[in-house]
Amino acid sequence: MKKWIQRLWLDESGQDMAEYTLLIVLIAIAAVGSVTAFGTNASAGLSNAAVGINTGLGGGP
């Protein structure tokens, strides 16, 4: 049992996979944050544009 734990502790074959997984998770978090921030700003901008178009056509807000 002791040799198995020692071999498992020293084995680095899965280290690259863990690093890639961590990198993918960090990129996904950044992407979700960016989309959330951009989505809020885009929604406000499109609402303003719709009001401007509606007002220009003689409609009310």
N, C-alpha and C. Protein backbone atom coordinates (compact mmCIF):
# COMPACT_ATOMS: atom_id res chain seq x y z
N MET A 1 0.83 -1.19 0.00
CA MET A 1 0.00 0.00 0.00
C MET A 1 0.87 1.26 0.00
N LYS A 2 1.92 1.23 0.81
CA LYS A 2 2.81 2.39 0.89
C LYS A 2 3.48 2.66 -0.45
N LYS A 3 3.91 1.59 -1.14
CA LYS A 3 4.55 1.78 -2.45
C LYS A 3 3.56 2.31 -3.48
N TRP A 4 2.32 1.85 -3.41
CA TRP A 4 1.29 2.31 -4.34
C TRP A 4 1.03 3.81 -4.15
N ILE A 5 0.93 4.26 -2.91
CA ILE A 5 0.70 5.68 -2.62
C ILE A 5 1.91 6.50 -3.06
N GLN A 6 3.10 5.98 -2.80
CA GLN A 6 4.31 6.70 -3.20
C GLN A 6 4.39 6.81 -4.73
N ARG A 7 4.06 5.72 -5.43
CA ARG A 7 4.08 5.74 -6.89
C ARG A 7 3.03 6.72 -7.43
N LEU A 8 1.86 6.70 -6.81
CA LEU A 8 0.79 7.62 -7.22
C LEU A 8 1.20 9.07 -6.99
N TRP A 9 1.86 9.33 -5.87
CA TRP A 9 2.29 10.69 -5.52
C TRP A 9 3.33 11.21 -6.50
N LEU A 10 4.23 10.32 -6.94
CA LEU A 10 5.31 10.73 -7.83
C LEU A 10 4.93 10.71 -9.30
N ASP A 11 3.82 10.09 -9.64
CA ASP A 11 3.38 10.00 -11.03
C ASP A 11 2.90 11.37 -11.50
N GLU A 12 3.47 11.85 -12.60
CA GLU A 12 3.11 13.16 -13.13
C GLU A 12 2.41 13.06 -14.48
N SER A 13 1.92 11.90 -14.83
CA SER A 13 1.32 11.73 -16.16
C SER A 13 0.02 12.51 -16.32
N GLY A 14 -0.72 12.75 -15.25
CA GLY A 14 -1.96 13.50 -15.33
C GLY A 14 -1.81 14.98 -15.08
N GLN A 15 -0.59 15.43 -14.85
CA GLN A 15 -0.36 16.83 -14.51
C GLN A 15 -0.75 17.76 -15.66
N ASP A 16 -0.39 17.40 -16.88
CA ASP A 16 -0.73 18.25 -18.03
C ASP A 16 -2.24 18.37 -18.20
N MET A 17 -2.95 17.28 -18.00
CA MET A 17 -4.41 17.30 -18.15
C MET A 17 -5.03 18.24 -17.11
N ALA A 18 -4.51 18.21 -15.89
CA ALA A 18 -5.04 19.09 -14.85
C ALA A 18 -4.78 20.56 -15.20
N GLU A 19 -3.61 20.84 -15.73
CA GLU A 19 -3.29 22.22 -16.11
C GLU A 19 -4.17 22.69 -17.25
N TYR A 20 -4.39 21.84 -18.24
CA TYR A 20 -5.27 22.22 -19.35
C TYR A 20 -6.70 22.41 -18.88
N THR A 21 -7.14 21.57 -17.97
CA THR A 21 -8.49 21.71 -17.44
C THR A 21 -8.64 23.02 -16.70
N LEU A 22 -7.66 23.36 -15.88
CA LEU A 22 -7.70 24.62 -15.15
C LEU A 22 -7.71 25.80 -16.12
N LEU A 23 -6.91 25.74 -17.16
CA LEU A 23 -6.87 26.80 -18.16
C LEU A 23 -8.21 26.96 -18.86
N ILE A 24 -8.84 25.86 -19.22
CA ILE A 24 -10.14 25.90 -19.88
C ILE A 24 -11.20 26.49 -18.96
N VAL A 25 -11.15 26.12 -17.68
CA VAL A 25 -12.12 26.66 -16.71
C VAL A 25 -11.94 28.17 -16.57
N LEU A 26 -10.70 28.64 -16.48
CA LEU A 26 -10.46 30.09 -16.36
C LEU A 26 -10.92 30.84 -17.61
N ILE A 27 -10.69 30.28 -18.78
CA ILE A 27 -11.14 30.91 -20.02
C ILE A 27 -12.67 30.95 -20.07
N ALA A 28 -13.32 29.89 -19.62
CA ALA A 28 -14.78 29.85 -19.61
C ALA A 28 -15.35 30.90 -18.66
N ILE A 29 -14.73 31.06 -17.50
CA ILE A 29 -15.19 32.08 -16.55
C ILE A 29 -15.04 33.47 -17.15
N ALA A 30 -13.91 33.73 -17.80
CA ALA A 30 -13.70 35.03 -18.44
C ALA A 30 -14.71 35.25 -19.57
N ALA A 31 -15.01 34.22 -20.33
CA ALA A 31 -15.96 34.34 -21.43
C ALA A 31 -17.36 34.65 -20.91
N VAL A 32 -17.77 33.96 -19.87
CA VAL A 32 -19.11 34.20 -19.31
C VAL A 32 -19.20 35.62 -18.76
N GLY A 33 -18.15 36.07 -18.08
CA GLY A 33 -18.15 37.44 -17.56
C GLY A 33 -18.21 38.48 -18.67
N SER A 34 -17.47 38.25 -19.74
CA SER A 34 -17.47 39.18 -20.87
C SER A 34 -18.83 39.23 -21.56
N VAL A 35 -19.41 38.07 -21.79
CA VAL A 35 -20.72 38.02 -22.45
C VAL A 35 -21.78 38.68 -21.59
N THR A 36 -21.71 38.46 -20.29
CA THR A 36 -22.68 39.09 -19.39
C THR A 36 -22.56 40.61 -19.43
N ALA A 37 -21.35 41.12 -19.33
CA ALA A 37 -21.14 42.58 -19.36
C ALA A 37 -21.53 43.15 -20.72
N PHE A 38 -21.11 42.50 -21.79
CA PHE A 38 -21.42 43.00 -23.13
C PHE A 38 -22.91 42.91 -23.41
N GLY A 39 -23.55 41.86 -22.94
CA GLY A 39 -24.98 41.69 -23.17
C GLY A 39 -25.80 42.79 -22.53
N THR A 40 -25.44 43.20 -21.33
CA THR A 40 -26.15 44.29 -20.65
C THR A 40 -25.99 45.59 -21.42
N ASN A 41 -24.77 45.89 -21.84
CA ASN A 41 -24.53 47.13 -22.59
C ASN A 41 -25.21 47.09 -23.96
N ALA A 42 -25.18 45.94 -24.61
CA ALA A 42 -25.81 45.82 -25.93
C ALA A 42 -27.33 45.98 -25.81
N SER A 43 -27.91 45.42 -24.76
CA SER A 43 -29.35 45.53 -24.57
C SER A 43 -29.76 46.98 -24.37
N ALA A 44 -29.00 47.71 -23.56
CA ALA A 44 -29.31 49.13 -23.33
C ALA A 44 -29.15 49.93 -24.62
N GLY A 45 -28.11 49.64 -25.38
CA GLY A 45 -27.89 50.35 -26.64
C GLY A 45 -28.97 50.08 -27.65
N LEU A 46 -29.41 48.84 -27.76
CA LEU A 46 -30.47 48.52 -28.70
C LEU A 46 -31.81 49.13 -28.27
N SER A 47 -32.05 49.19 -26.97
CA SER A 47 -33.27 49.83 -26.48
C SER A 47 -33.27 51.32 -26.83
N ASN A 48 -32.15 51.97 -26.65
CA ASN A 48 -32.04 53.39 -27.01
C ASN A 48 -32.23 53.60 -28.50
N ALA A 49 -31.67 52.71 -29.31
CA ALA A 49 -31.82 52.82 -30.75
C ALA A 49 -33.29 52.62 -31.16
N ALA A 50 -33.97 51.68 -30.52
CA ALA A 50 -35.38 51.43 -30.83
C ALA A 50 -36.24 52.64 -30.47
N VAL A 51 -35.95 53.26 -29.33
CA VAL A 51 -36.70 54.46 -28.94
C VAL A 51 -36.44 55.58 -29.93
N GLY A 52 -35.19 55.72 -30.35
CA GLY A 52 -34.85 56.76 -31.32
C GLY A 52 -35.54 56.54 -32.65
N ILE A 53 -35.59 55.32 -33.10
CA ILE A 53 -36.25 55.02 -34.38
C ILE A 53 -37.75 55.25 -34.25
N ASN A 54 -38.32 54.80 -33.14
CA ASN A 54 -39.76 54.96 -32.92
C ASN A 54 -40.13 56.44 -32.83
N THR A 55 -39.30 57.22 -32.16
CA THR A 55 -39.55 58.66 -32.05
C THR A 55 -39.41 59.33 -33.42
N GLY A 56 -38.44 58.92 -34.19
CA GLY A 56 -38.23 59.49 -35.52
C GLY A 56 -39.37 59.18 -36.47
N LEU A 57 -40.06 58.09 -36.24
CA LEU A 57 -41.19 57.71 -37.10
C LEU A 57 -42.49 58.32 -36.62
N GLY A 58 -42.45 59.10 -35.56
CA GLY A 58 -43.66 59.79 -35.08
C GLY A 58 -44.36 59.03 -33.97
N GLY A 59 -43.80 57.96 -33.49
CA GLY A 59 -44.42 57.19 -32.40
C GLY A 59 -43.94 57.70 -31.05
N GLY A 60 -44.56 57.24 -30.04
CA GLY A 60 -44.16 57.63 -28.68
C GLY A 60 -43.30 56.56 -28.06
N PRO A 61 -42.68 56.85 -26.90
CA PRO A 61 -41.82 55.87 -26.25
C PRO A 61 -42.54 54.70 -25.67
